[in-house]
Amino acid sequence: MSRRGVTLLTSAGLVIVLGLLAALLPVPYVVLVPGPVTDTLGSLGKTPVISVTGATTYPTNGRLYLTTVGVIPGSCSNNPTLSQALRAWFAPHQAVEPKQVICPPGQTSSAVAQQNADEMSQSQQDAVTAALLYLHYKPTSLQIVVGDISPGTPASQVLRTADAIVAINGTPVTSLNQLHDLIGAHPAGTSLTLTIDRHGVKQQVTARTIAEAGTKRPILGFTPDVRATFAKPVVHIGIDPNSVGGPSAGLAFTLGIVDKLTPGDLTGGHTVAGTGTIDGFGNVGPIGGIQQKIAAAVKAGALVFLAPASECADARTAAPKSLKLVKVDTLATAVKALQTIAAGGSDYPHC
């Protein structure tokens, strides 16, 4: 065989080997793709996404979509191939992220799935609380609980998310303002005795406050949330937390509840989509995958998209000019913006 023939044969062999490697070689990344959307004003089969009993409800028109992100592969025990990652890198509505973004090191697929289910379950509870408090329904009980915990802070050593703060130094905690007052009553570095309720069991823990960066205000390092119960109305969200995980549907759930319990249409009869975590106080928080969620919303025909304020910069780069982007920081802001848009106005916070 000639030298040229040998060269061509070698080159062809290398191409085949490289092709096989690209097709089969796993890489330590995940691929984010637009996920399915769900109309919180509609039904899943015969099951309403949101059902309310014990109060007057009103008919709704239009659509109010929660948006999701799909992850490839769907299990933390697997990796995408090099070719999948390369295709996603150049796809306009996909993203390639380090695997630890979705699958923290040392956690099994089942542990990650359980955490996602827990976050979805908590977001549903917070959505009900935020909506009913916003609509001035009187709770039968109300507790200040632990929300997000900052790593490396005193709270991270002794508290867990969803712990109820019953008392501080023996004084009962009955409101958010009282919680702040009791933590700030002494200078940073003071040890506080916290009475907490963890899964129905009361116990005492001790933590020393630290100074908040920039303000020097005494803090423990957690974001408070609220847990409330209501005799009426009874709100049920018909999405299984094991089927759609994570906390980012909270805002869409909350708006769906508000729409069903108030006259008129928040959507103005149009198609609205959005994303954002929510706590019981109605504060809207950041999420991930905003580009993929906007792509899913546009495909579903959305004319308006509600984005957490912290995600606005990324939202602008992903959204077509035809999509109205609403900058949202609280439930009240979201409701007022939708009412303004439904009335044909433009005086609302824009991204």
Protein backbone atom coordinates (compact mmCIF):
# COMPACT_ATOMS: atom_id res chain seq x y z
CA MET A 1 0.00 0.00 0.00
CA SER A 2 1.25 3.49 -0.83
CA ARG A 3 2.22 6.01 1.81
CA ARG A 4 -0.79 8.10 0.83
CA GLY A 5 -3.07 5.11 1.26
CA VAL A 6 -1.65 4.37 4.68
CA THR A 7 -2.15 8.02 5.70
CA LEU A 8 -5.77 8.04 4.52
CA LEU A 9 -6.49 4.75 6.26
CA THR A 10 -4.92 6.01 9.50
CA SER A 11 -6.88 9.25 9.30
CA ALA A 12 -10.12 7.36 8.71
CA GLY A 13 -9.37 5.17 11.70
CA LEU A 14 -8.76 8.20 13.90
CA VAL A 15 -12.04 9.75 12.76
CA ILE A 16 -13.90 6.56 13.65
CA VAL A 17 -12.22 6.36 17.06
CA LEU A 18 -12.95 10.01 17.80
CA GLY A 19 -16.54 9.55 16.68
CA LEU A 20 -16.96 6.58 18.98
CA LEU A 21 -15.42 8.50 21.87
CA ALA A 22 -17.75 11.44 21.30
CA ALA A 23 -20.75 9.13 21.16
CA LEU A 24 -19.82 7.03 24.18
CA LEU A 25 -17.41 8.98 26.41
CA PRO A 26 -19.28 10.33 29.47
CA VAL A 27 -18.39 13.82 30.70
CA PRO A 28 -18.95 15.31 34.20
CA TYR A 29 -21.62 17.81 33.16
CA VAL A 30 -25.40 18.08 32.93
CA VAL A 31 -27.43 19.50 30.06
CA LEU A 32 -30.31 21.84 30.86
CA VAL A 33 -33.19 21.91 28.36
CA PRO A 34 -36.63 23.58 28.33
CA GLY A 35 -39.01 21.47 30.39
CA PRO A 36 -42.79 21.07 30.25
CA VAL A 37 -45.12 23.83 31.40
CA THR A 38 -48.23 23.37 33.55
CA ASP A 39 -51.26 25.65 33.70
CA THR A 40 -51.92 26.33 37.39
CA LEU A 41 -55.46 27.40 36.45
CA GLY A 42 -56.11 24.14 34.63
CA SER A 43 -56.09 20.42 35.33
CA LEU A 44 -53.82 17.42 35.04
CA GLY A 45 -56.16 14.86 33.56
CA LYS A 46 -59.22 15.06 35.79
CA THR A 47 -57.34 16.57 38.74
CA PRO A 48 -57.35 20.38 39.10
CA VAL A 49 -53.87 21.77 39.66
CA ILE A 50 -55.40 24.02 42.32
CA SER A 51 -58.69 23.27 44.09
CA VAL A 52 -60.29 25.34 46.84
CA THR A 53 -63.11 24.48 49.23
CA GLY A 54 -64.65 26.47 52.06
CA ALA A 55 -64.64 29.83 50.26
CA THR A 56 -66.21 31.48 47.25
CA THR A 57 -64.20 30.85 44.09
CA TYR A 58 -64.43 32.59 40.74
CA PRO A 59 -64.09 31.35 37.15
CA THR A 60 -60.76 32.01 35.48
CA ASN A 61 -59.82 32.58 31.87
CA GLY A 62 -56.46 32.55 30.21
CA ARG A 63 -53.50 30.46 31.30
CA LEU A 64 -50.99 30.84 34.09
CA TYR A 65 -48.07 28.54 33.44
CA LEU A 66 -45.41 27.33 35.83
CA THR A 67 -42.24 26.57 33.92
CA THR A 68 -39.64 23.86 34.45
CA VAL A 69 -36.18 22.80 33.34
CA GLY A 70 -35.35 19.36 32.00
CA VAL A 71 -32.02 17.79 32.97
CA ILE A 72 -30.00 15.34 30.83
CA PRO A 73 -29.28 12.78 32.10
CA GLY A 74 -32.18 12.39 34.50
CA SER A 75 -30.11 10.57 37.12
CA CYS A 76 -27.06 11.67 39.09
CA SER A 77 -25.56 8.23 38.53
CA ASN A 78 -25.24 8.93 34.79
CA ASN A 79 -23.42 11.49 32.66
CA PRO A 80 -24.17 12.91 29.21
CA THR A 81 -21.87 11.88 26.40
CA LEU A 82 -19.35 14.27 24.93
CA SER A 83 -21.43 14.58 21.77
CA GLN A 84 -24.56 15.46 23.79
CA ALA A 85 -22.65 18.13 25.69
CA LEU A 86 -21.17 19.58 22.48
CA ARG A 87 -24.56 19.73 20.76
CA ALA A 88 -26.08 21.43 23.81
CA TRP A 89 -23.22 23.93 23.94
CA PHE A 90 -24.24 25.30 20.55
CA ALA A 91 -28.02 24.92 20.97
CA PRO A 92 -29.75 28.29 21.57
CA HIS A 93 -32.05 27.11 24.38
CA GLN A 94 -29.82 24.58 26.13
CA ALA A 95 -27.03 24.99 28.64
CA VAL A 96 -24.12 22.88 29.85
CA GLU A 97 -23.39 23.11 33.57
CA PRO A 98 -20.97 21.31 35.91
CA LYS A 99 -22.62 18.21 37.31
CA GLN A 100 -22.32 19.43 40.91
CA VAL A 101 -24.83 22.21 40.14
CA ILE A 102 -27.58 19.59 40.05
CA CYS A 103 -25.92 16.68 41.84
CA PRO A 104 -23.85 17.75 44.87
CA PRO A 105 -20.78 15.57 45.45
CA GLY A 106 -21.45 12.61 47.69
CA GLN A 107 -25.24 12.64 47.24
CA THR A 108 -27.03 9.73 45.62
CA SER A 109 -29.67 10.13 42.93
CA SER A 110 -32.36 9.12 45.42
CA ALA A 111 -31.16 11.73 47.94
CA VAL A 112 -31.24 14.48 45.30
CA ALA A 113 -34.70 13.36 44.16
CA GLN A 114 -35.95 13.42 47.76
CA GLN A 115 -34.55 16.90 48.31
CA ASN A 116 -36.28 18.13 45.15
CA ALA A 117 -39.55 16.58 46.29
CA ASP A 118 -39.19 18.18 49.73
CA GLU A 119 -38.57 21.57 48.13
CA MET A 120 -41.64 21.23 45.92
CA SER A 121 -43.76 20.20 48.91
CA GLN A 122 -42.48 23.19 50.90
CA SER A 123 -43.13 25.54 47.98
CA GLN A 124 -46.74 24.36 47.84
CA GLN A 125 -47.19 25.02 51.56
CA ASP A 126 -45.58 28.44 51.24
CA ALA A 127 -47.77 29.26 48.23
CA VAL A 128 -50.93 28.54 50.20
CA THR A 129 -49.69 30.55 53.18
CA ALA A 130 -48.58 33.51 51.06
CA ALA A 131 -51.81 33.62 49.06
CA LEU A 132 -54.18 33.36 52.03
CA LEU A 133 -52.27 35.87 54.15
CA TYR A 134 -52.18 38.25 51.17
CA LEU A 135 -55.97 37.89 50.85
CA HIS A 136 -56.34 38.59 54.61
CA TYR A 137 -57.66 35.19 55.67
CA LYS A 138 -57.11 34.75 59.41
CA PRO A 139 -54.87 31.82 60.32
CA THR A 140 -55.73 29.51 63.19
CA SER A 141 -52.02 29.21 63.99
CA LEU A 142 -48.87 30.98 62.88
CA GLN A 143 -45.22 30.11 63.51
CA ILE A 144 -41.98 31.74 62.46
CA VAL A 145 -39.81 29.02 60.95
CA VAL A 146 -36.33 28.66 59.53
CA GLY A 147 -36.06 29.13 55.76
CA ASP A 148 -32.74 29.25 53.96
CA ILE A 149 -29.62 28.81 56.11
CA SER A 150 -26.32 30.42 55.14
CA PRO A 151 -23.40 27.97 55.22
CA GLY A 152 -20.77 28.57 57.89
CA THR A 153 -23.04 30.68 60.11
CA PRO A 154 -24.13 29.89 63.69
CA ALA A 155 -27.54 28.84 62.38
CA SER A 156 -25.97 26.17 60.19
CA GLN A 157 -24.56 24.47 63.28
CA VAL A 158 -27.79 24.06 65.25
CA LEU A 159 -30.82 24.76 63.02
CA ARG A 160 -32.50 22.97 60.14
CA THR A 161 -34.83 24.29 57.47
CA ALA A 162 -38.47 24.21 58.70
CA ASP A 163 -37.53 24.36 62.41
CA ALA A 164 -40.10 26.52 64.19
CA ILE A 165 -38.60 29.24 66.41
CA VAL A 166 -40.82 29.03 69.49
CA ALA A 167 -38.89 31.34 71.83
CA ILE A 168 -35.59 33.20 72.24
CA ASN A 169 -34.15 33.45 75.76
CA GLY A 170 -37.55 32.37 77.07
CA THR A 171 -39.56 35.06 75.26
CA PRO A 172 -42.16 33.60 72.86
CA VAL A 173 -41.69 34.48 69.19
CA THR A 174 -45.03 35.39 67.62
CA SER A 175 -44.09 37.66 64.70
CA LEU A 176 -41.27 38.46 62.29
CA ASN A 177 -40.65 41.85 63.90
CA GLN A 178 -40.37 40.25 67.31
CA LEU A 179 -37.85 37.72 65.97
CA HIS A 180 -35.66 40.53 64.63
CA ASP A 181 -36.02 42.51 67.87
CA LEU A 182 -35.02 39.57 70.07
CA ILE A 183 -31.98 38.68 67.94
CA GLY A 184 -30.91 42.32 67.77
CA ALA A 185 -31.50 43.13 71.45
CA HIS A 186 -27.86 42.39 72.31
CA PRO A 187 -24.60 43.10 70.46
CA ALA A 188 -23.09 40.63 68.00
CA GLY A 189 -21.26 37.84 69.80
CA THR A 190 -24.04 37.27 72.33
CA SER A 191 -25.14 33.69 72.98
CA LEU A 192 -28.88 33.13 72.54
CA THR A 193 -30.96 30.20 73.75
CA LEU A 194 -33.48 29.21 71.11
CA THR A 195 -36.47 27.01 71.83
CA ILE A 196 -37.35 25.24 68.60
CA ASP A 197 -39.99 22.79 67.44
CA ARG A 198 -38.51 20.20 65.10
CA HIS A 199 -41.05 17.74 63.71
CA GLY A 200 -43.27 18.20 66.74
CA VAL A 201 -40.50 17.81 69.32
CA LYS A 202 -39.45 20.87 71.32
CA GLN A 203 -35.81 21.33 72.25
CA GLN A 204 -33.35 24.06 73.15
CA VAL A 205 -30.23 25.00 71.23
CA THR A 206 -27.64 27.72 71.79
CA ALA A 207 -26.06 29.91 69.13
CA ARG A 208 -23.82 32.97 69.24
CA THR A 209 -24.81 35.85 66.97
CA ILE A 210 -22.44 37.35 64.40
CA ALA A 211 -22.34 40.78 62.79
CA GLU A 212 -23.97 41.05 59.39
CA ALA A 213 -21.52 42.19 56.73
CA GLY A 214 -21.96 45.85 55.94
CA THR A 215 -24.48 46.64 58.68
CA LYS A 216 -22.93 45.05 61.81
CA ARG A 217 -26.48 44.03 62.77
CA PRO A 218 -26.55 40.88 64.96
CA ILE A 219 -27.71 37.85 62.98
CA LEU A 220 -27.77 34.08 63.28
CA GLY A 221 -27.51 33.39 59.56
CA PHE A 222 -30.93 32.18 58.45
CA THR A 223 -33.81 33.64 56.47
CA PRO A 224 -37.09 33.44 58.39
CA ASP A 225 -40.24 31.99 56.87
CA VAL A 226 -43.77 31.62 58.20
CA ARG A 227 -45.93 28.53 58.67
CA ALA A 228 -49.64 29.15 59.02
CA THR A 229 -52.72 26.94 59.18
CA PHE A 230 -56.23 27.95 58.18
CA ALA A 231 -59.59 26.44 59.05
CA LYS A 232 -61.00 27.78 55.80
CA PRO A 233 -60.47 27.88 52.93
CA VAL A 234 -58.83 24.54 52.26
CA VAL A 235 -56.45 24.69 49.31
CA HIS A 236 -55.12 21.58 47.59
CA ILE A 237 -52.41 21.55 44.93
CA GLY A 238 -52.74 18.48 42.74
CA ILE A 239 -49.13 18.10 41.62
CA ASP A 240 -47.17 15.23 43.10
CA PRO A 241 -43.87 16.65 44.47
CA ASN A 242 -42.17 13.47 43.27
CA SER A 243 -43.09 14.24 39.66
CA VAL A 244 -42.08 17.91 39.55
CA GLY A 245 -39.33 18.82 42.01
CA GLY A 246 -37.73 21.98 43.29
CA PRO A 247 -39.09 25.22 44.75
CA SER A 248 -39.36 27.46 41.68
CA ALA A 249 -43.09 26.93 41.01
CA GLY A 250 -44.02 28.76 44.21
CA LEU A 251 -44.92 32.08 42.60
CA ALA A 252 -47.09 30.49 39.90
CA PHE A 253 -48.96 28.41 42.50
CA THR A 254 -49.56 31.48 44.65
CA LEU A 255 -50.90 33.55 41.77
CA GLY A 256 -53.17 30.68 40.73
CA ILE A 257 -54.66 30.54 44.24
CA VAL A 258 -55.15 34.33 44.32
CA ASP A 259 -56.82 34.26 40.89
CA LYS A 260 -59.29 31.56 41.94
CA LEU A 261 -60.23 33.40 45.16
CA THR A 262 -60.73 36.87 43.64
CA PRO A 263 -63.16 38.21 41.03
CA GLY A 264 -61.85 38.93 37.54
CA ASP A 265 -58.85 37.50 35.73
CA LEU A 266 -55.26 38.19 36.74
CA THR A 267 -54.20 37.03 33.29
CA GLY A 268 -56.62 39.31 31.47
CA GLY A 269 -57.65 36.20 29.56
CA HIS A 270 -54.15 35.87 28.05
CA THR A 271 -51.32 33.37 28.49
CA VAL A 272 -48.94 34.25 31.31
CA ALA A 273 -45.94 32.25 32.48
CA GLY A 274 -43.40 32.71 35.21
CA THR A 275 -41.00 31.33 37.73
CA GLY A 276 -39.74 32.17 41.20
CA THR A 277 -39.56 30.75 44.68
CA ILE A 278 -41.86 32.25 47.28
CA ASP A 279 -41.90 32.24 51.06
CA GLY A 280 -44.90 32.50 53.34
CA PHE A 281 -44.44 36.27 53.57
CA GLY A 282 -44.82 36.59 49.80
CA ASN A 283 -41.18 37.35 48.99
CA VAL A 284 -40.09 36.09 45.57
CA GLY A 285 -36.63 34.54 45.30
CA PRO A 286 -34.16 33.44 42.62
CA ILE A 287 -34.24 30.25 40.59
CA GLY A 288 -32.10 28.49 37.99
CA GLY A 289 -32.51 27.83 34.29
CA ILE A 290 -34.23 31.11 33.39
CA GLN A 291 -33.20 30.81 29.71
CA GLN A 292 -34.74 27.35 29.39
CA LYS A 293 -37.91 28.41 31.20
CA ILE A 294 -38.40 31.41 28.94
CA ALA A 295 -37.93 29.20 25.88
CA ALA A 296 -40.59 26.82 27.22
CA ALA A 297 -42.95 29.73 27.93
CA VAL A 298 -42.54 31.20 24.45
CA LYS A 299 -43.19 27.79 22.87
CA ALA A 300 -46.40 27.57 24.94
CA GLY A 301 -47.57 30.93 23.60
CA ALA A 302 -46.95 33.12 26.65
CA LEU A 303 -47.21 36.88 26.13
CA VAL A 304 -46.07 37.81 29.65
CA PHE A 305 -43.29 36.28 31.75
CA LEU A 306 -42.79 36.94 35.47
CA ALA A 307 -39.10 36.80 36.44
CA PRO A 308 -37.50 37.19 39.86
CA ALA A 309 -35.74 40.56 40.10
CA SER A 310 -32.34 38.89 40.51
CA GLU A 311 -32.80 36.98 37.23
CA CYS A 312 -33.76 39.95 35.06
CA ALA A 313 -30.40 40.38 33.32
CA ASP A 314 -30.38 36.75 32.14
CA ALA A 315 -34.07 36.95 31.25
CA ARG A 316 -33.47 39.92 28.92
CA THR A 317 -30.83 38.02 26.97
CA ALA A 318 -33.15 35.03 26.48
CA ALA A 319 -36.52 36.68 25.78
CA PRO A 320 -37.80 37.81 22.39
CA LYS A 321 -38.89 41.44 22.15
CA SER A 322 -42.50 40.34 21.86
CA LEU A 323 -42.47 38.90 25.42
CA LYS A 324 -43.37 41.27 28.25
CA LEU A 325 -40.85 40.68 31.06
CA VAL A 326 -42.10 41.62 34.53
CA LYS A 327 -39.58 42.21 37.32
CA VAL A 328 -40.98 40.62 40.48
CA ASP A 329 -39.75 40.81 44.07
CA THR A 330 -42.98 40.16 46.00
CA LEU A 331 -46.41 38.64 45.48
CA ALA A 332 -47.97 42.10 45.77
CA THR A 333 -45.73 43.37 42.95
CA ALA A 334 -46.71 40.43 40.73
CA VAL A 335 -50.45 40.86 41.33
CA LYS A 336 -50.36 44.60 40.69
CA ALA A 337 -48.30 44.14 37.52
CA LEU A 338 -50.70 41.55 36.12
CA GLN A 339 -53.68 43.77 36.93
CA THR A 340 -51.99 46.65 35.12
CA ILE A 341 -51.21 44.54 32.06
CA ALA A 342 -54.74 43.09 32.00
CA ALA A 343 -56.10 46.65 31.96
CA GLY A 344 -53.85 47.53 29.01
CA GLY A 345 -51.32 49.54 31.00
CA SER A 346 -47.54 49.53 30.91
CA ASP A 347 -46.71 51.04 34.30
CA TYR A 348 -45.22 47.96 35.91
CA PRO A 349 -41.65 46.95 36.84
CA HIS A 350 -39.84 45.85 33.67
CA CYS A 351 -36.78 43.66 33.44
